[in-house]
Structure formats: structure tokens, C-alpha cells
Amino acid sequence: MKYYVTFGQGHQHRRPRFLKMQDNGDPVYREEIFDRNCVATLTALNMHAANARAHELFGDKFFTVYLHVGAESEKAIAEWYPRGETAAEDES
């Protein structure tokens, strides 16, 4: 199931996100910021697993974890989070 992770006013996380490999074999990264202006998304089997994964990724500096409930969730994100959804983990 899809879950959302939100962040408090003062919580900001920065991390590199892999983009691609250059022709010379060097990796290219961009800095990604998770803060009050976006919602991190992750996939988990249940709320307990989602909360545990959020702690692994962000430590204890996040606000809360919510279950995605379809259009209602997407409407709230569009209204309240200017940068929208950002994947918490690289897709494999």
C-alpha cells in the first residue's frame, strides 16, 4: 500500500539521488530535499511497516505517516504541499 510521510516546520532532510551514469562511468547525483513543502511517498505492507521504514529513512525527524486514500489524499497534497509528492526511496 502507498503511504505518505510529512515533515514539520523545522525538519529538513537532504540526500543525494542517483540520476545516471556518465559516459566515463562516473555517477551523476542531484540533491533532494524533504521538508514541509513536500510529501515523501513509500510503499509498505501496513502502517507499522511504513512507520518503521520512515524511521529508517528519516530518523525521528518527521511529522507522521498517513495511508494514501485515493483522490482525497491527492487533492490535499495539491492544496497544502507546493512541491507535491517525492518518492522516499529510489525505485528498484
C-alpha atoms as a PDB file:
ATOM      1  CA  MET A   1       0.000   0.000   0.000  1.00  0.00           C
ATOM      2  CA  LYS A   2       1.069   3.576  -0.554  1.00  0.00           C
ATOM      3  CA  TYR A   3       1.872   5.774   2.446  1.00  0.00           C
ATOM      4  CA  TYR A   4       2.778   9.433   2.840  1.00  0.00           C
ATOM      5  CA  VAL A   5       5.382  10.873   5.200  1.00  0.00           C
ATOM      6  CA  THR A   6       5.087  14.536   6.190  1.00  0.00           C
ATOM      7  CA  PHE A   7       7.646  16.774   7.876  1.00  0.00           C
ATOM      8  CA  GLY A   8       7.352  19.513  10.484  1.00  0.00           C
ATOM      9  CA  GLN A   9       8.193  23.172  10.023  1.00  0.00           C
ATOM     10  CA  GLY A  10      11.830  22.746  11.060  1.00  0.00           C
ATOM     11  CA  HIS A  11      12.513  19.252   9.727  1.00  0.00           C
ATOM     12  CA  GLN A  12      14.641  19.167   6.595  1.00  0.00           C
ATOM     13  CA  HIS A  13      16.445  16.181   5.139  1.00  0.00           C
ATOM     14  CA  ARG A  14      18.947  16.357   2.269  1.00  0.00           C
ATOM     15  CA  ARG A  15      20.267  13.383   0.394  1.00  0.00           C
ATOM     16  CA  PRO A  16      21.780  12.576  -2.968  1.00  0.00           C
ATOM     17  CA  ARG A  17      19.519  10.896  -5.538  1.00  0.00           C
ATOM     18  CA  PHE A  18      21.213   8.864  -8.267  1.00  0.00           C
ATOM     19  CA  LEU A  19      20.327  10.142 -11.753  1.00  0.00           C
ATOM     20  CA  LYS A  20      22.516   8.354 -14.301  1.00  0.00           C
ATOM     21  CA  MET A  21      25.990   7.172 -15.199  1.00  0.00           C
ATOM     22  CA  GLN A  22      28.193   9.434 -17.294  1.00  0.00           C
ATOM     23  CA  ASP A  23      29.961   8.085 -20.371  1.00  0.00           C
ATOM     24  CA  ASN A  24      33.190   7.885 -18.343  1.00  0.00           C
ATOM     25  CA  GLY A  25      31.470   5.663 -15.750  1.00  0.00           C
ATOM     26  CA  ASP A  26      31.071   8.316 -13.034  1.00  0.00           C
ATOM     27  CA  PRO A  27      27.663   8.510 -11.344  1.00  0.00           C
ATOM     28  CA  VAL A  28      25.599  11.711 -11.519  1.00  0.00           C
ATOM     29  CA  TYR A  29      23.581  12.698  -8.447  1.00  0.00           C
ATOM     30  CA  ARG A  30      21.268  15.563  -7.566  1.00  0.00           C
ATOM     31  CA  GLU A  31      20.484  16.764  -4.083  1.00  0.00           C
ATOM     32  CA  GLU A  32      16.976  16.019  -2.932  1.00  0.00           C
ATOM     33  CA  ILE A  33      15.290  17.896  -0.106  1.00  0.00           C
ATOM     34  CA  PHE A  34      12.457  16.571   2.039  1.00  0.00           C
ATOM     35  CA  ASP A  35      10.756  19.268   4.120  1.00  0.00           C
ATOM     36  CA  ARG A  36       7.403  20.857   4.998  1.00  0.00           C
ATOM     37  CA  ASN A  37       6.739  21.697   1.320  1.00  0.00           C
ATOM     38  CA  CYS A  38       6.566  18.112   0.056  1.00  0.00           C
ATOM     39  CA  VAL A  39       5.227  14.702   0.965  1.00  0.00           C
ATOM     40  CA  ALA A  40       7.507  11.668   0.796  1.00  0.00           C
ATOM     41  CA  THR A  41       5.861   8.519  -0.533  1.00  0.00           C
ATOM     42  CA  LEU A  42       6.747   4.941   0.259  1.00  0.00           C
ATOM     43  CA  THR A  43       5.214   1.519  -0.187  1.00  0.00           C
ATOM     44  CA  ALA A  44       4.717  -0.872   2.717  1.00  0.00           C
ATOM     45  CA  LEU A  45       2.527  -3.799   3.705  1.00  0.00           C
ATOM     46  CA  ASN A  46       0.901  -1.981   6.635  1.00  0.00           C
ATOM     47  CA  MET A  47       1.102   1.139   8.806  1.00  0.00           C
ATOM     48  CA  HIS A  48       3.570  -0.448  11.233  1.00  0.00           C
ATOM     49  CA  ALA A  49       5.973  -1.307   8.390  1.00  0.00           C
ATOM     50  CA  ALA A  50       5.541   2.170   6.850  1.00  0.00           C
ATOM     51  CA  ASN A  51       6.306   3.867  10.160  1.00  0.00           C
ATOM     52  CA  ALA A  52       9.363   1.646  10.701  1.00  0.00           C
ATOM     53  CA  ARG A  53      10.670   2.441   7.195  1.00  0.00           C
ATOM     54  CA  ALA A  54      10.124   6.180   7.745  1.00  0.00           C
ATOM     55  CA  HIS A  55      12.257   5.915  10.905  1.00  0.00           C
ATOM     56  CA  GLU A  56      14.979   4.097   8.932  1.00  0.00           C
ATOM     57  CA  LEU A  57      14.995   6.789   6.231  1.00  0.00           C
ATOM     58  CA  PHE A  58      14.481   9.948   8.300  1.00  0.00           C
ATOM     59  CA  GLY A  59      15.316   9.068  11.897  1.00  0.00           C
ATOM     60  CA  ASP A  60      12.916  10.650  14.378  1.00  0.00           C
ATOM     61  CA  LYS A  61      12.683  13.932  12.436  1.00  0.00           C
ATOM     62  CA  PHE A  62       9.422  13.616  10.545  1.00  0.00           C
ATOM     63  CA  PHE A  63       5.874  14.528  11.457  1.00  0.00           C
ATOM     64  CA  THR A  64       3.724  11.498  10.734  1.00  0.00           C
ATOM     65  CA  VAL A  65       2.856   8.715   8.298  1.00  0.00           C
ATOM     66  CA  TYR A  66      -0.519   8.601   6.515  1.00  0.00           C
ATOM     67  CA  LEU A  67      -2.228   5.961   4.394  1.00  0.00           C
ATOM     68  CA  HIS A  68      -2.973   7.017   0.804  1.00  0.00           C
ATOM     69  CA  VAL A  69      -6.762   7.141   0.342  1.00  0.00           C
ATOM     70  CA  GLY A  70      -7.043   7.974  -3.347  1.00  0.00           C
ATOM     71  CA  ALA A  71      -8.315  11.248  -4.769  1.00  0.00           C
ATOM     72  CA  GLU A  72      -8.901  12.739  -1.323  1.00  0.00           C
ATOM     73  CA  SER A  73      -5.181  12.374  -0.496  1.00  0.00           C
ATOM     74  CA  GLU A  74      -4.086  13.735  -3.873  1.00  0.00           C
ATOM     75  CA  LYS A  75      -6.353  16.784  -3.555  1.00  0.00           C
ATOM     76  CA  ALA A  76      -4.979  17.598  -0.086  1.00  0.00           C
ATOM     77  CA  ILE A  77      -1.386  17.246  -1.287  1.00  0.00           C
ATOM     78  CA  ALA A  78      -2.000  19.564  -4.239  1.00  0.00           C
ATOM     79  CA  GLU A  79      -3.548  22.140  -1.925  1.00  0.00           C
ATOM     80  CA  TRP A  80      -1.153  22.041   1.040  1.00  0.00           C
ATOM     81  CA  TYR A  81       2.251  20.903  -0.292  1.00  0.00           C
ATOM     82  CA  PRO A  82       3.710  23.157  -3.034  1.00  0.00           C
ATOM     83  CA  ARG A  83       6.297  20.612  -4.226  1.00  0.00           C
ATOM     84  CA  GLY A  84       3.844  17.701  -4.155  1.00  0.00           C
ATOM     85  CA  GLU A  85       4.901  14.072  -3.835  1.00  0.00           C
ATOM     86  CA  THR A  86       8.510  12.893  -3.810  1.00  0.00           C
ATOM     87  CA  ALA A  87       9.466   9.223  -3.665  1.00  0.00           C
ATOM     88  CA  ALA A  88      11.191   8.458  -0.365  1.00  0.00           C
ATOM     89  CA  GLU A  89      13.240   5.678  -1.954  1.00  0.00           C
ATOM     90  CA  ASP A  90      14.722   5.039  -5.377  1.00  0.00           C
ATOM     91  CA  GLU A  91      12.534   2.681  -7.363  1.00  0.00           C
ATOM     92  CA  SER A  92      14.144  -0.678  -7.965  1.00  0.00           C
END
